[in-house]
Amino acid sequence: MHYEGVLKKMKTVIGDPIQYTLAFEPQALDVNEAIDKDLQLTFLGFQCLNCGKKRKIFRQGFCYDCFFKSPEVGDWVIRPELSKAHLDIEDR
């Protein structure tokens, strides 16, 4: 079977065993079923996770512009104590 799409973090479902899935539009690959099977990955290019443009990735899957504009990559995502939302101050 052939899957094509942007490689993102795997989705997981806690169970016995834990279920791992790679989501591709419109289908998904059940990674557990791929254990002990040969897989081939081919790099086709970069694509920003925010704007979807085929641009070189700066950090965390975002192009340079989106990295500095998108609230999804604000410092407070990893360190909530840095958030100023409670002071009515927007981060980005």
N, C-alpha and C. Protein backbone atom coordinates (compact mmCIF):
# COMPACT_ATOMS: atom_id res chain seq x y z
N MET A 1 0.85 -1.18 0.00
CA MET A 1 0.00 0.00 0.00
C MET A 1 0.89 1.24 0.00
N HIS A 2 0.42 2.31 -0.60
CA HIS A 2 1.17 3.55 -0.75
C HIS A 2 0.48 4.67 0.02
N TYR A 3 1.23 5.34 0.89
CA TYR A 3 0.72 6.49 1.64
C TYR A 3 1.58 7.69 1.29
N GLU A 4 0.95 8.85 1.23
CA GLU A 4 1.70 10.07 0.96
C GLU A 4 1.10 11.19 1.78
N GLY A 5 1.97 12.00 2.40
CA GLY A 5 1.49 13.11 3.19
C GLY A 5 2.60 13.70 4.03
N VAL A 6 2.22 14.63 4.87
CA VAL A 6 3.15 15.31 5.75
C VAL A 6 3.37 14.44 6.99
N LEU A 7 4.62 14.18 7.30
CA LEU A 7 4.95 13.37 8.47
C LEU A 7 4.79 14.20 9.73
N LYS A 8 3.90 13.75 10.61
CA LYS A 8 3.62 14.45 11.86
C LYS A 8 3.79 13.48 13.02
N LYS A 9 3.61 13.98 14.22
CA LYS A 9 3.68 13.16 15.41
C LYS A 9 2.62 12.05 15.34
N MET A 10 3.01 10.84 15.76
CA MET A 10 2.06 9.73 15.74
C MET A 10 0.96 9.93 16.78
N LYS A 11 -0.23 9.49 16.41
CA LYS A 11 -1.33 9.46 17.37
C LYS A 11 -1.24 8.15 18.13
N THR A 12 -1.54 8.19 19.42
CA THR A 12 -1.45 6.99 20.25
C THR A 12 -2.75 6.77 21.00
N VAL A 13 -3.06 5.51 21.23
CA VAL A 13 -4.22 5.13 22.04
C VAL A 13 -3.71 4.14 23.08
N ILE A 14 -3.93 4.47 24.34
CA ILE A 14 -3.45 3.61 25.42
C ILE A 14 -4.26 2.33 25.44
N GLY A 15 -3.59 1.23 25.53
CA GLY A 15 -4.21 -0.09 25.57
C GLY A 15 -3.14 -1.12 25.75
N ASP A 16 -3.49 -2.37 25.50
CA ASP A 16 -2.51 -3.44 25.60
C ASP A 16 -2.59 -4.27 24.33
N PRO A 17 -1.77 -3.99 23.36
CA PRO A 17 -0.66 -3.04 23.33
C PRO A 17 -1.13 -1.63 22.98
N ILE A 18 -0.26 -0.66 23.19
CA ILE A 18 -0.54 0.72 22.79
C ILE A 18 -0.66 0.76 21.28
N GLN A 19 -1.65 1.49 20.76
CA GLN A 19 -1.88 1.60 19.32
C GLN A 19 -1.25 2.88 18.79
N TYR A 20 -0.43 2.74 17.76
CA TYR A 20 0.22 3.88 17.13
C TYR A 20 -0.32 4.04 15.72
N THR A 21 -0.60 5.29 15.32
CA THR A 21 -1.13 5.57 14.00
C THR A 21 -0.46 6.80 13.42
N LEU A 22 -0.07 6.71 12.15
CA LEU A 22 0.41 7.87 11.40
C LEU A 22 -0.75 8.35 10.55
N ALA A 23 -1.19 9.57 10.77
CA ALA A 23 -2.35 10.10 10.05
C ALA A 23 -1.91 10.75 8.75
N PHE A 24 -2.43 10.25 7.66
CA PHE A 24 -2.25 10.84 6.34
C PHE A 24 -3.64 11.14 5.81
N GLU A 25 -3.78 12.22 5.06
CA GLU A 25 -5.09 12.56 4.50
C GLU A 25 -5.29 11.78 3.22
N PRO A 26 -6.36 11.11 3.01
CA PRO A 26 -7.53 10.89 3.87
C PRO A 26 -7.46 9.60 4.67
N GLN A 27 -6.33 8.91 4.67
CA GLN A 27 -6.24 7.62 5.35
C GLN A 27 -5.16 7.65 6.43
N ALA A 28 -5.04 6.56 7.16
CA ALA A 28 -4.05 6.49 8.23
C ALA A 28 -3.34 5.14 8.16
N LEU A 29 -2.11 5.12 8.61
CA LEU A 29 -1.31 3.90 8.64
C LEU A 29 -1.25 3.40 10.08
N ASP A 30 -1.73 2.18 10.30
CA ASP A 30 -1.64 1.54 11.61
C ASP A 30 -0.21 1.02 11.75
N VAL A 31 0.59 1.71 12.56
CA VAL A 31 2.01 1.39 12.69
C VAL A 31 2.19 0.02 13.35
N ASN A 32 1.29 -0.37 14.24
CA ASN A 32 1.41 -1.68 14.88
C ASN A 32 1.38 -2.81 13.85
N GLU A 33 0.59 -2.66 12.80
CA GLU A 33 0.51 -3.67 11.76
C GLU A 33 1.78 -3.70 10.90
N ALA A 34 2.57 -2.66 10.95
CA ALA A 34 3.80 -2.57 10.14
C ALA A 34 5.01 -3.16 10.86
N ILE A 35 4.84 -3.59 12.10
CA ILE A 35 5.96 -4.19 12.83
C ILE A 35 6.41 -5.45 12.12
N ASP A 36 7.72 -5.62 11.97
CA ASP A 36 8.35 -6.76 11.29
C ASP A 36 8.08 -6.78 9.79
N LYS A 37 7.69 -5.64 9.22
CA LYS A 37 7.51 -5.54 7.78
C LYS A 37 8.47 -4.49 7.23
N ASP A 38 8.82 -4.63 5.98
CA ASP A 38 9.71 -3.66 5.34
C ASP A 38 8.92 -2.40 4.98
N LEU A 39 9.48 -1.24 5.33
CA LEU A 39 8.88 0.04 4.99
C LEU A 39 9.89 0.86 4.20
N GLN A 40 9.40 1.65 3.29
CA GLN A 40 10.27 2.55 2.53
C GLN A 40 9.72 3.96 2.66
N LEU A 41 10.57 4.87 3.10
CA LEU A 41 10.19 6.28 3.23
C LEU A 41 10.96 7.08 2.19
N THR A 42 10.27 7.96 1.49
CA THR A 42 10.89 8.79 0.48
C THR A 42 10.59 10.25 0.81
N PHE A 43 11.62 11.06 0.91
CA PHE A 43 11.45 12.49 1.19
C PHE A 43 11.06 13.20 -0.10
N LEU A 44 9.92 13.86 -0.09
CA LEU A 44 9.43 14.56 -1.28
C LEU A 44 9.57 16.07 -1.19
N GLY A 45 9.80 16.60 0.00
CA GLY A 45 9.95 18.04 0.16
C GLY A 45 9.41 18.52 1.50
N PHE A 46 9.56 19.80 1.73
CA PHE A 46 9.10 20.43 2.96
C PHE A 46 7.70 20.99 2.78
N GLN A 47 6.94 21.04 3.87
CA GLN A 47 5.63 21.69 3.87
C GLN A 47 5.35 22.20 5.28
N CYS A 48 5.03 23.47 5.39
CA CYS A 48 4.75 24.10 6.68
C CYS A 48 3.48 23.50 7.30
N LEU A 49 3.52 23.18 8.59
CA LEU A 49 2.35 22.63 9.28
C LEU A 49 1.25 23.66 9.49
N ASN A 50 1.59 24.94 9.41
CA ASN A 50 0.59 25.99 9.64
C ASN A 50 -0.04 26.48 8.34
N CYS A 51 0.76 26.99 7.43
CA CYS A 51 0.21 27.58 6.21
C CYS A 51 0.11 26.58 5.06
N GLY A 52 0.81 25.43 5.17
CA GLY A 52 0.73 24.40 4.14
C GLY A 52 1.57 24.68 2.91
N LYS A 53 2.30 25.79 2.91
CA LYS A 53 3.13 26.12 1.75
C LYS A 53 4.36 25.23 1.71
N LYS A 54 4.82 24.96 0.51
CA LYS A 54 6.01 24.12 0.34
C LYS A 54 7.24 25.01 0.48
N ARG A 55 7.60 25.27 1.74
CA ARG A 55 8.73 26.12 2.06
C ARG A 55 9.66 25.37 3.01
N LYS A 56 10.90 25.82 3.06
CA LYS A 56 11.86 25.21 3.97
C LYS A 56 11.38 25.41 5.41
N ILE A 57 11.55 24.39 6.22
CA ILE A 57 11.08 24.43 7.60
C ILE A 57 12.13 25.09 8.49
N PHE A 58 11.66 26.00 9.34
CA PHE A 58 12.55 26.71 10.25
C PHE A 58 12.70 25.94 11.56
N ARG A 59 11.60 25.76 12.29
CA ARG A 59 11.59 25.00 13.55
C ARG A 59 10.22 24.39 13.78
N GLN A 60 10.21 23.25 14.44
CA GLN A 60 8.98 22.58 14.89
C GLN A 60 7.96 22.37 13.77
N GLY A 61 8.40 22.24 12.54
CA GLY A 61 7.50 21.97 11.43
C GLY A 61 6.88 23.22 10.82
N PHE A 62 7.33 24.40 11.21
CA PHE A 62 6.78 25.65 10.71
C PHE A 62 7.81 26.38 9.85
N CYS A 63 7.34 27.09 8.82
CA CYS A 63 8.24 27.93 8.03
C CYS A 63 8.65 29.12 8.89
N TYR A 64 9.61 29.89 8.41
CA TYR A 64 10.14 31.01 9.18
C TYR A 64 9.04 31.99 9.59
N ASP A 65 8.20 32.39 8.62
CA ASP A 65 7.15 33.37 8.92
C ASP A 65 6.15 32.85 9.94
N CYS A 66 5.69 31.62 9.76
CA CYS A 66 4.69 31.06 10.67
C CYS A 66 5.27 30.80 12.06
N PHE A 67 6.55 30.48 12.13
CA PHE A 67 7.16 30.24 13.44
C PHE A 67 7.07 31.49 14.31
N PHE A 68 7.23 32.66 13.71
CA PHE A 68 7.21 33.89 14.49
C PHE A 68 5.82 34.51 14.61
N LYS A 69 4.84 34.02 13.83
CA LYS A 69 3.50 34.59 13.87
C LYS A 69 2.46 33.69 14.53
N SER A 70 2.63 32.39 14.44
CA SER A 70 1.60 31.46 14.91
C SER A 70 1.63 31.31 16.43
N PRO A 71 0.47 31.38 17.08
CA PRO A 71 0.43 31.18 18.53
C PRO A 71 0.72 29.73 18.93
N GLU A 72 0.67 28.80 17.98
CA GLU A 72 0.93 27.40 18.29
C GLU A 72 2.37 27.13 18.68
N VAL A 73 3.27 28.05 18.39
CA VAL A 73 4.68 27.84 18.72
C VAL A 73 5.20 28.86 19.72
N GLY A 74 4.30 29.47 20.46
CA GLY A 74 4.71 30.41 21.49
C GLY A 74 5.46 29.70 22.60
N ASP A 75 6.32 30.42 23.30
CA ASP A 75 7.09 29.84 24.41
C ASP A 75 6.17 29.26 25.48
N TRP A 76 4.99 29.84 25.64
CA TRP A 76 4.08 29.40 26.68
C TRP A 76 3.48 28.03 26.41
N VAL A 77 3.59 27.52 25.18
CA VAL A 77 3.07 26.18 24.89
C VAL A 77 3.86 25.15 25.70
N ILE A 78 5.17 25.33 25.77
CA ILE A 78 6.03 24.42 26.54
C ILE A 78 6.17 24.89 27.99
N ARG A 79 6.18 26.20 28.19
CA ARG A 79 6.35 26.76 29.53
C ARG A 79 5.17 27.68 29.86
N PRO A 80 4.06 27.11 30.34
CA PRO A 80 2.83 27.89 30.57
C PRO A 80 3.01 29.09 31.50
N GLU A 81 4.01 29.04 32.35
CA GLU A 81 4.22 30.16 33.28
C GLU A 81 4.61 31.44 32.55
N LEU A 82 5.01 31.34 31.28
CA LEU A 82 5.37 32.52 30.50
C LEU A 82 4.16 33.21 29.86
N SER A 83 2.99 32.57 29.92
CA SER A 83 1.79 33.13 29.31
C SER A 83 1.39 34.43 30.00
N LYS A 84 0.97 35.40 29.19
CA LYS A 84 0.50 36.67 29.71
C LYS A 84 -0.97 36.88 29.38
N ALA A 85 -1.64 35.80 29.00
CA ALA A 85 -3.06 35.89 28.62
C ALA A 85 -3.92 36.40 29.77
N HIS A 86 -3.59 36.03 30.99
CA HIS A 86 -4.36 36.48 32.15
C HIS A 86 -4.22 37.99 32.39
N LEU A 87 -3.23 38.62 31.73
CA LEU A 87 -3.05 40.08 31.82
C LEU A 87 -3.62 40.80 30.60
N ASP A 88 -4.37 40.04 29.76
CA ASP A 88 -4.92 40.57 28.51
C ASP A 88 -3.83 41.04 27.56
N ILE A 89 -2.68 40.37 27.59
CA ILE A 89 -1.58 40.68 26.67
C ILE A 89 -1.44 39.50 25.71
N GLU A 90 -1.59 39.81 24.42
CA GLU A 90 -1.47 38.76 23.41
C GLU A 90 0.00 38.42 23.17
N ASP A 91 0.25 37.13 22.98
CA ASP A 91 1.63 36.70 22.74
C ASP A 91 2.06 37.03 21.32
N ARG A 92 1.20 36.76 20.37
CA ARG A 92 1.56 36.99 18.96
C ARG A 92 0.40 37.59 18.23
